[in-house]
Amino acid sequence: TQKKLMRYMFEKYGKPTWFIDRLIYT
């Protein structure tokens, strides 16, 4: 899941570690 979301968020928003950062908060 991390790899899928990294690629999508990097290419779409320039925020590749969103998944990890979101978990750091939640």
PDB file of all heavy atoms in Angstrom:
ATOM      1  N   THR A   1       0.833  -1.208   0.000  1.00  0.00           N
ATOM      2  CA  THR A   1       0.000   0.000   0.000  1.00  0.00           C
ATOM      3  C   THR A   1       0.862   1.250   0.000  1.00  0.00           C
ATOM      4  O   THR A   1       0.572   2.221  -0.711  1.00  0.00           O
ATOM      5  CB  THR A   1      -0.932  -0.007   1.220  1.00  0.00           C
ATOM      6  OG1 THR A   1      -1.826  -1.117   1.119  1.00  0.00           O
ATOM      7  CG2 THR A   1      -1.732   1.285   1.310  1.00  0.00           C
ATOM      8  N   GLN A   2       1.933   1.243   0.777  1.00  0.00           N
ATOM      9  CA  GLN A   2       2.814   2.411   0.825  1.00  0.00           C
ATOM     10  C   GLN A   2       3.372   2.732  -0.554  1.00  0.00           C
ATOM     11  O   GLN A   2       3.386   3.896  -0.978  1.00  0.00           O
ATOM     12  CB  GLN A   2       3.963   2.183   1.799  1.00  0.00           C
ATOM     13  CG  GLN A   2       4.909   3.379   1.894  1.00  0.00           C
ATOM     14  CD  GLN A   2       6.065   3.158   2.857  1.00  0.00           C
ATOM     15  OE1 GLN A   2       6.003   2.291   3.714  1.00  0.00           O
ATOM     16  NE2 GLN A   2       7.120   3.925   2.706  1.00  0.00           N
ATOM     17  N   LYS A   3       3.817   1.720  -1.280  1.00  0.00           N
ATOM     18  CA  LYS A   3       4.395   1.971  -2.608  1.00  0.00           C
ATOM     19  C   LYS A   3       3.350   2.523  -3.577  1.00  0.00           C
ATOM     20  O   LYS A   3       3.625   3.460  -4.343  1.00  0.00           O
ATOM     21  CB  LYS A   3       5.004   0.681  -3.156  1.00  0.00           C
ATOM     22  CG  LYS A   3       6.269   0.257  -2.439  1.00  0.00           C
ATOM     23  CD  LYS A   3       6.871  -0.993  -3.081  1.00  0.00           C
ATOM     24  CE  LYS A   3       8.165  -1.378  -2.381  1.00  0.00           C
ATOM     25  NZ  LYS A   3       8.839  -2.535  -3.004  1.00  0.00           N
ATOM     26  N   LYS A   4       2.150   1.964  -3.532  1.00  0.00           N
ATOM     27  CA  LYS A   4       1.088   2.458  -4.419  1.00  0.00           C
ATOM     28  C   LYS A   4       0.764   3.916  -4.119  1.00  0.00           C
ATOM     29  O   LYS A   4       0.649   4.748  -5.032  1.00  0.00           O
ATOM     30  CB  LYS A   4      -0.166   1.598  -4.257  1.00  0.00           C
ATOM     31  CG  LYS A   4      -0.059   0.183  -4.796  1.00  0.00           C
ATOM     32  CD  LYS A   4      -1.340  -0.584  -4.494  1.00  0.00           C
ATOM     33  CE  LYS A   4      -1.276  -2.014  -5.019  1.00  0.00           C
ATOM     34  NZ  LYS A   4      -2.520  -2.775  -4.697  1.00  0.00           N
ATOM     35  N   LEU A   5       0.616   4.213  -2.832  1.00  0.00           N
ATOM     36  CA  LEU A   5       0.250   5.573  -2.455  1.00  0.00           C
ATOM     37  C   LEU A   5       1.398   6.550  -2.667  1.00  0.00           C
ATOM     38  O   LEU A   5       1.166   7.716  -3.020  1.00  0.00           O
ATOM     39  CB  LEU A   5      -0.207   5.603  -0.992  1.00  0.00           C
ATOM     40  CG  LEU A   5      -1.556   4.942  -0.718  1.00  0.00           C
ATOM     41  CD1 LEU A   5      -1.844   4.905   0.768  1.00  0.00           C
ATOM     42  CD2 LEU A   5      -2.686   5.667  -1.453  1.00  0.00           C
ATOM     43  N   MET A   6       2.627   6.083  -2.474  1.00  0.00           N
ATOM     44  CA  MET A   6       3.765   6.967  -2.729  1.00  0.00           C
ATOM     45  C   MET A   6       3.801   7.411  -4.176  1.00  0.00           C
ATOM     46  O   MET A   6       3.983   8.594  -4.479  1.00  0.00           O
ATOM     47  CB  MET A   6       5.075   6.272  -2.355  1.00  0.00           C
ATOM     48  CG  MET A   6       5.377   6.277  -0.872  1.00  0.00           C
ATOM     49  SD  MET A   6       7.039   5.679  -0.512  1.00  0.00           S
ATOM     50  CE  MET A   6       8.024   7.025  -1.170  1.00  0.00           C
ATOM     51  N   ARG A   7       3.619   6.464  -5.084  1.00  0.00           N
ATOM     52  CA  ARG A   7       3.680   6.809  -6.505  1.00  0.00           C
ATOM     53  C   ARG A   7       2.533   7.754  -6.877  1.00  0.00           C
ATOM     54  O   ARG A   7       2.730   8.759  -7.566  1.00  0.00           O
ATOM     55  CB  ARG A   7       3.651   5.542  -7.354  1.00  0.00           C
ATOM     56  CG  ARG A   7       4.916   4.702  -7.242  1.00  0.00           C
ATOM     57  CD  ARG A   7       4.837   3.463  -8.123  1.00  0.00           C
ATOM     58  NE  ARG A   7       4.809   3.816  -9.531  1.00  0.00           N
ATOM     59  CZ  ARG A   7       5.861   3.766 -10.355  1.00  0.00           C
ATOM     60  NH1 ARG A   7       7.047   3.382  -9.892  1.00  0.00           N
ATOM     61  NH2 ARG A   7       5.750   4.089 -11.618  1.00  0.00           N
ATOM     62  N   TYR A   8       1.336   7.455  -6.404  1.00  0.00           N
ATOM     63  CA  TYR A   8       0.192   8.305  -6.757  1.00  0.00           C
ATOM     64  C   TYR A   8       0.351   9.709  -6.175  1.00  0.00           C
ATOM     65  O   TYR A   8       0.187  10.716  -6.879  1.00  0.00           O
ATOM     66  CB  TYR A   8      -1.109   7.676  -6.265  1.00  0.00           C
ATOM     67  CG  TYR A   8      -2.301   8.573  -6.497  1.00  0.00           C
ATOM     68  CD1 TYR A   8      -2.805   8.760  -7.787  1.00  0.00           C
ATOM     69  CD2 TYR A   8      -2.909   9.264  -5.443  1.00  0.00           C
ATOM     70  CE1 TYR A   8      -3.885   9.605  -8.021  1.00  0.00           C
ATOM     71  CE2 TYR A   8      -3.981  10.112  -5.663  1.00  0.00           C
ATOM     72  CZ  TYR A   8      -4.462  10.284  -6.954  1.00  0.00           C
ATOM     73  OH  TYR A   8      -5.520  11.131  -7.183  1.00  0.00           O
ATOM     74  N   MET A   9       0.666   9.796  -4.897  1.00  0.00           N
ATOM     75  CA  MET A   9       0.740  11.098  -4.238  1.00  0.00           C
ATOM     76  C   MET A   9       1.933  11.914  -4.738  1.00  0.00           C
ATOM     77  O   MET A   9       1.875  13.144  -4.769  1.00  0.00           O
ATOM     78  CB  MET A   9       0.807  10.917  -2.729  1.00  0.00           C
ATOM     79  CG  MET A   9      -0.459  10.340  -2.114  1.00  0.00           C
ATOM     80  SD  MET A   9      -1.909  11.414  -2.302  1.00  0.00           S
ATOM     81  CE  MET A   9      -1.465  12.783  -1.235  1.00  0.00           C
ATOM     82  N   PHE A  10       3.011  11.243  -5.116  1.00  0.00           N
ATOM     83  CA  PHE A  10       4.174  11.937  -5.682  1.00  0.00           C
ATOM     84  C   PHE A  10       3.818  12.539  -7.038  1.00  0.00           C
ATOM     85  O   PHE A  10       4.062  13.720  -7.301  1.00  0.00           O
ATOM     86  CB  PHE A  10       5.324  10.946  -5.817  1.00  0.00           C
ATOM     87  CG  PHE A  10       6.581  11.506  -6.419  1.00  0.00           C
ATOM     88  CD1 PHE A  10       7.034  12.768  -6.107  1.00  0.00           C
ATOM     89  CD2 PHE A  10       7.339  10.736  -7.296  1.00  0.00           C
ATOM     90  CE1 PHE A  10       8.209  13.284  -6.652  1.00  0.00           C
ATOM     91  CE2 PHE A  10       8.512  11.230  -7.844  1.00  0.00           C
ATOM     92  CZ  PHE A  10       8.941  12.507  -7.530  1.00  0.00           C
ATOM     93  N   GLU A  11       3.209  11.744  -7.883  1.00  0.00           N
ATOM     94  CA  GLU A  11       2.923  12.182  -9.246  1.00  0.00           C
ATOM     95  C   GLU A  11       1.759  13.170  -9.293  1.00  0.00           C
ATOM     96  O   GLU A  11       1.734  14.072 -10.140  1.00  0.00           O
ATOM     97  CB  GLU A  11       2.645  10.969 -10.127  1.00  0.00           C
ATOM     98  CG  GLU A  11       3.873  10.066 -10.286  1.00  0.00           C
ATOM     99  CD  GLU A  11       3.562   8.732 -10.950  1.00  0.00           C
ATOM    100  OE1 GLU A  11       2.525   8.634 -11.661  1.00  0.00           O
ATOM    101  OE2 GLU A  11       4.341   7.771 -10.758  1.00  0.00           O
ATOM    102  N   LYS A  12       0.800  13.018  -8.377  1.00  0.00           N
ATOM    103  CA  LYS A  12      -0.385  13.879  -8.390  1.00  0.00           C
ATOM    104  C   LYS A  12      -0.181  15.167  -7.601  1.00  0.00           C
ATOM    105  O   LYS A  12      -0.574  16.259  -8.049  1.00  0.00           O
ATOM    106  CB  LYS A  12      -1.571  13.106  -7.807  1.00  0.00           C
ATOM    107  CG  LYS A  12      -2.862  13.897  -7.672  1.00  0.00           C
ATOM    108  CD  LYS A  12      -3.543  14.132  -8.988  1.00  0.00           C
ATOM    109  CE  LYS A  12      -4.913  14.772  -8.775  1.00  0.00           C
ATOM    110  NZ  LYS A  12      -5.622  15.019 -10.040  1.00  0.00           N
ATOM    111  N   TYR A  13       0.442  15.061  -6.414  1.00  0.00           N
ATOM    112  CA  TYR A  13       0.504  16.199  -5.505  1.00  0.00           C
ATOM    113  C   TYR A  13       1.923  16.592  -5.095  1.00  0.00           C
ATOM    114  O   TYR A  13       2.094  17.599  -4.401  1.00  0.00           O
ATOM    115  CB  TYR A  13      -0.289  15.897  -4.228  1.00  0.00           C
ATOM    116  CG  TYR A  13      -1.766  15.698  -4.449  1.00  0.00           C
ATOM    117  CD1 TYR A  13      -2.326  14.429  -4.379  1.00  0.00           C
ATOM    118  CD2 TYR A  13      -2.600  16.777  -4.726  1.00  0.00           C
ATOM    119  CE1 TYR A  13      -3.689  14.232  -4.564  1.00  0.00           C
ATOM    120  CE2 TYR A  13      -3.964  16.593  -4.913  1.00  0.00           C
ATOM    121  CZ  TYR A  13      -4.505  15.318  -4.835  1.00  0.00           C
ATOM    122  OH  TYR A  13      -5.851  15.131  -5.021  1.00  0.00           O
ATOM    123  N   GLY A  14       2.922  15.818  -5.467  1.00  0.00           N
ATOM    124  CA  GLY A  14       4.264  16.094  -4.985  1.00  0.00           C
ATOM    125  C   GLY A  14       4.400  15.859  -3.493  1.00  0.00           C
ATOM    126  O   GLY A  14       5.214  16.508  -2.828  1.00  0.00           O
ATOM    127  N   LYS A  15       3.623  14.895  -2.951  1.00  0.00           N
ATOM    128  CA  LYS A  15       3.636  14.576  -1.508  1.00  0.00           C
ATOM    129  C   LYS A  15       3.818  13.066  -1.336  1.00  0.00           C
ATOM    130  O   LYS A  15       2.911  12.371  -0.884  1.00  0.00           O
ATOM    131  CB  LYS A  15       2.350  15.061  -0.838  1.00  0.00           C
ATOM    132  CG  LYS A  15       2.120  16.551  -0.959  1.00  0.00           C
ATOM    133  CD  LYS A  15       0.786  16.974  -0.358  1.00  0.00           C
ATOM    134  CE  LYS A  15       0.794  16.868   1.144  1.00  0.00           C
ATOM    135  NZ  LYS A  15      -0.423  17.486   1.755  1.00  0.00           N
ATOM    136  N   PRO A  16       4.987  12.544  -1.682  1.00  0.00           N
ATOM    137  CA  PRO A  16       5.147  11.079  -1.757  1.00  0.00           C
ATOM    138  C   PRO A  16       4.985  10.340  -0.442  1.00  0.00           C
ATOM    139  O   PRO A  16       4.557   9.185  -0.434  1.00  0.00           O
ATOM    140  CB  PRO A  16       6.567  10.910  -2.303  1.00  0.00           C
ATOM    141  CG  PRO A  16       7.267  12.183  -1.961  1.00  0.00           C
ATOM    142  CD  PRO A  16       6.219  13.249  -2.066  1.00  0.00           C
ATOM    143  N   THR A  17       5.330  10.951   0.671  1.00  0.00           N
ATOM    144  CA  THR A  17       5.253  10.227   1.944  1.00  0.00           C
ATOM    145  C   THR A  17       3.958  10.527   2.694  1.00  0.00           C
ATOM    146  O   THR A  17       3.889  10.357   3.914  1.00  0.00           O
ATOM    147  CB  THR A  17       6.469  10.549   2.837  1.00  0.00           C
ATOM    148  OG1 THR A  17       6.489  11.947   3.129  1.00  0.00           O
ATOM    149  CG2 THR A  17       7.761  10.136   2.169  1.00  0.00           C
ATOM    150  N   TRP A  18       2.916  10.926   1.973  1.00  0.00           N
ATOM    151  CA  TRP A  18       1.648  11.245   2.636  1.00  0.00           C
ATOM    152  C   TRP A  18       1.170  10.095   3.516  1.00  0.00           C
ATOM    153  O   TRP A  18       0.725  10.324   4.654  1.00  0.00           O
ATOM    154  CB  TRP A  18       0.566  11.577   1.594  1.00  0.00           C
ATOM    155  CG  TRP A  18      -0.780  11.768   2.235  1.00  0.00           C
ATOM    156  CD1 TRP A  18      -1.275  12.913   2.762  1.00  0.00           C
ATOM    157  CD2 TRP A  18      -1.788  10.771   2.447  1.00  0.00           C
ATOM    158  NE1 TRP A  18      -2.533  12.700   3.298  1.00  0.00           N
ATOM    159  CE2 TRP A  18      -2.870  11.391   3.111  1.00  0.00           C
ATOM    160  CE3 TRP A  18      -1.884   9.405   2.137  1.00  0.00           C
ATOM    161  CZ2 TRP A  18      -4.033  10.699   3.472  1.00  0.00           C
ATOM    162  CZ3 TRP A  18      -3.035   8.711   2.501  1.00  0.00           C
ATOM    163  CH2 TRP A  18      -4.089   9.355   3.154  1.00  0.00           C
ATOM    164  N   PHE A  19       1.241   8.874   3.039  1.00  0.00           N
ATOM    165  CA  PHE A  19       0.745   7.716   3.794  1.00  0.00           C
ATOM    166  C   PHE A  19       1.473   7.593   5.131  1.00  0.00           C
ATOM    167  O   PHE A  19       0.849   7.447   6.188  1.00  0.00           O
ATOM    168  CB  PHE A  19       0.933   6.448   2.956  1.00  0.00           C
ATOM    169  CG  PHE A  19       0.435   5.187   3.602  1.00  0.00           C
ATOM    170  CD1 PHE A  19      -0.851   5.085   4.085  1.00  0.00           C
ATOM    171  CD2 PHE A  19       1.274   4.089   3.710  1.00  0.00           C
ATOM    172  CE1 PHE A  19      -1.310   3.904   4.668  1.00  0.00           C
ATOM    173  CE2 PHE A  19       0.831   2.914   4.289  1.00  0.00           C
ATOM    174  CZ  PHE A  19      -0.462   2.817   4.768  1.00  0.00           C
ATOM    175  N   ILE A  20       2.802   7.694   5.093  1.00  0.00           N
ATOM    176  CA  ILE A  20       3.593   7.606   6.328  1.00  0.00           C
ATOM    177  C   ILE A  20       3.288   8.790   7.234  1.00  0.00           C
ATOM    178  O   ILE A  20       3.088   8.641   8.447  1.00  0.00           O
ATOM    179  CB  ILE A  20       5.095   7.551   5.994  1.00  0.00           C
ATOM    180  CG1 ILE A  20       5.420   6.273   5.197  1.00  0.00           C
ATOM    181  CG2 ILE A  20       5.938   7.623   7.267  1.00  0.00           C
ATOM    182  CD1 ILE A  20       5.122   4.995   5.938  1.00  0.00           C
ATOM    183  N   ASP A  21       3.259   9.981   6.667  1.00  0.00           N
ATOM    184  CA  ASP A  21       3.005  11.181   7.473  1.00  0.00           C
ATOM    185  C   ASP A  21       1.616  11.138   8.101  1.00  0.00           C
ATOM    186  O   ASP A  21       1.424  11.549   9.250  1.00  0.00           O
ATOM    187  CB  ASP A  21       3.157  12.436   6.620  1.00  0.00           C
ATOM    188  CG  ASP A  21       4.589  12.665   6.174  1.00  0.00           C
ATOM    189  OD1 ASP A  21       5.500  12.281   6.918  1.00  0.00           O
ATOM    190  OD2 ASP A  21       4.792  13.219   5.084  1.00  0.00           O
ATOM    191  N   ARG A  22       0.643  10.658   7.353  1.00  0.00           N
ATOM    192  CA  ARG A  22      -0.704  10.540   7.894  1.00  0.00           C
ATOM    193  C   ARG A  22      -0.721   9.576   9.086  1.00  0.00           C
ATOM    194  O   ARG A  22      -1.340   9.860  10.116  1.00  0.00           O
ATOM    195  CB  ARG A  22      -1.656  10.048   6.806  1.00  0.00           C
ATOM    196  CG  ARG A  22      -3.112   9.943   7.235  1.00  0.00           C
ATOM    197  CD  ARG A  22      -3.748  11.289   7.460  1.00  0.00           C
ATOM    198  NE  ARG A  22      -5.144  11.148   7.890  1.00  0.00           N
ATOM    199  CZ  ARG A  22      -5.912  12.158   8.256  1.00  0.00           C
ATOM    200  NH1 ARG A  22      -5.433  13.387   8.251  1.00  0.00           N
ATOM    201  NH2 ARG A  22      -7.158  11.955   8.628  1.00  0.00           N
ATOM    202  N   LEU A  23      -0.022   8.453   8.965  1.00  0.00           N
ATOM    203  CA  LEU A  23       0.038   7.495  10.066  1.00  0.00           C
ATOM    204  C   LEU A  23       0.763   8.084  11.276  1.00  0.00           C
ATOM    205  O   LEU A  23       0.408   7.788  12.425  1.00  0.00           O
ATOM    206  CB  LEU A  23       0.730   6.213   9.614  1.00  0.00           C
ATOM    207  CG  LEU A  23      -0.018   5.365   8.580  1.00  0.00           C
ATOM    208  CD1 LEU A  23       0.812   4.155   8.173  1.00  0.00           C
ATOM    209  CD2 LEU A  23      -1.371   4.914   9.110  1.00  0.00           C
ATOM    210  N   ILE A  24       1.789   8.900  11.023  1.00  0.00           N
ATOM    211  CA  ILE A  24       2.501   9.540  12.137  1.00  0.00           C
ATOM    212  C   ILE A  24       1.540  10.395  12.955  1.00  0.00           C
ATOM    213  O   ILE A  24       1.685  10.518  14.176  1.00  0.00           O
ATOM    214  CB  ILE A  24       3.678  10.376  11.599  1.00  0.00           C
ATOM    215  CG1 ILE A  24       4.799   9.431  11.105  1.00  0.00           C
ATOM    216  CG2 ILE A  24       4.221  11.333  12.657  1.00  0.00           C
ATOM    217  CD1 ILE A  24       5.919  10.129  10.385  1.00  0.00           C
ATOM    218  N   TYR A  25       0.519  10.942  12.302  1.00  0.00           N
ATOM    219  CA  TYR A  25      -0.477  11.748  13.002  1.00  0.00           C
ATOM    220  C   TYR A  25      -1.579  10.885  13.614  1.00  0.00           C
ATOM    221  O   TYR A  25      -2.027  11.154  14.743  1.00  0.00           O
ATOM    222  CB  TYR A  25      -1.099  12.763  12.039  1.00  0.00           C
ATOM    223  CG  TYR A  25      -0.225  13.966  11.810  1.00  0.00           C
ATOM    224  CD1 TYR A  25       0.916  13.889  11.027  1.00  0.00           C
ATOM    225  CD2 TYR A  25      -0.538  15.192  12.384  1.00  0.00           C
ATOM    226  CE1 TYR A  25       1.724  14.988  10.825  1.00  0.00           C
ATOM    227  CE2 TYR A  25       0.258  16.304  12.182  1.00  0.00           C
ATOM    228  CZ  TYR A  25       1.398  16.191  11.403  1.00  0.00           C
ATOM    229  OH  TYR A  25       2.200  17.278  11.209  1.00  0.00           O
ATOM    230  N   THR A  26      -2.071   9.881  12.890  1.00  0.00           N
ATOM    231  CA  THR A  26      -3.233   9.121  13.365  1.00  0.00           C
ATOM    232  C   THR A  26      -2.866   7.996  14.326  1.00  0.00           C
ATOM    233  O   THR A  26      -3.602   7.728  15.282  1.00  0.00           O
ATOM    234  CB  THR A  26      -4.011   8.518  12.185  1.00  0.00           C
ATOM    235  OG1 THR A  26      -3.146   7.658  11.416  1.00  0.00           O
ATOM    236  CG2 THR A  26      -4.576   9.614  11.284  1.00  0.00           C
TER     237      THR A  26
END
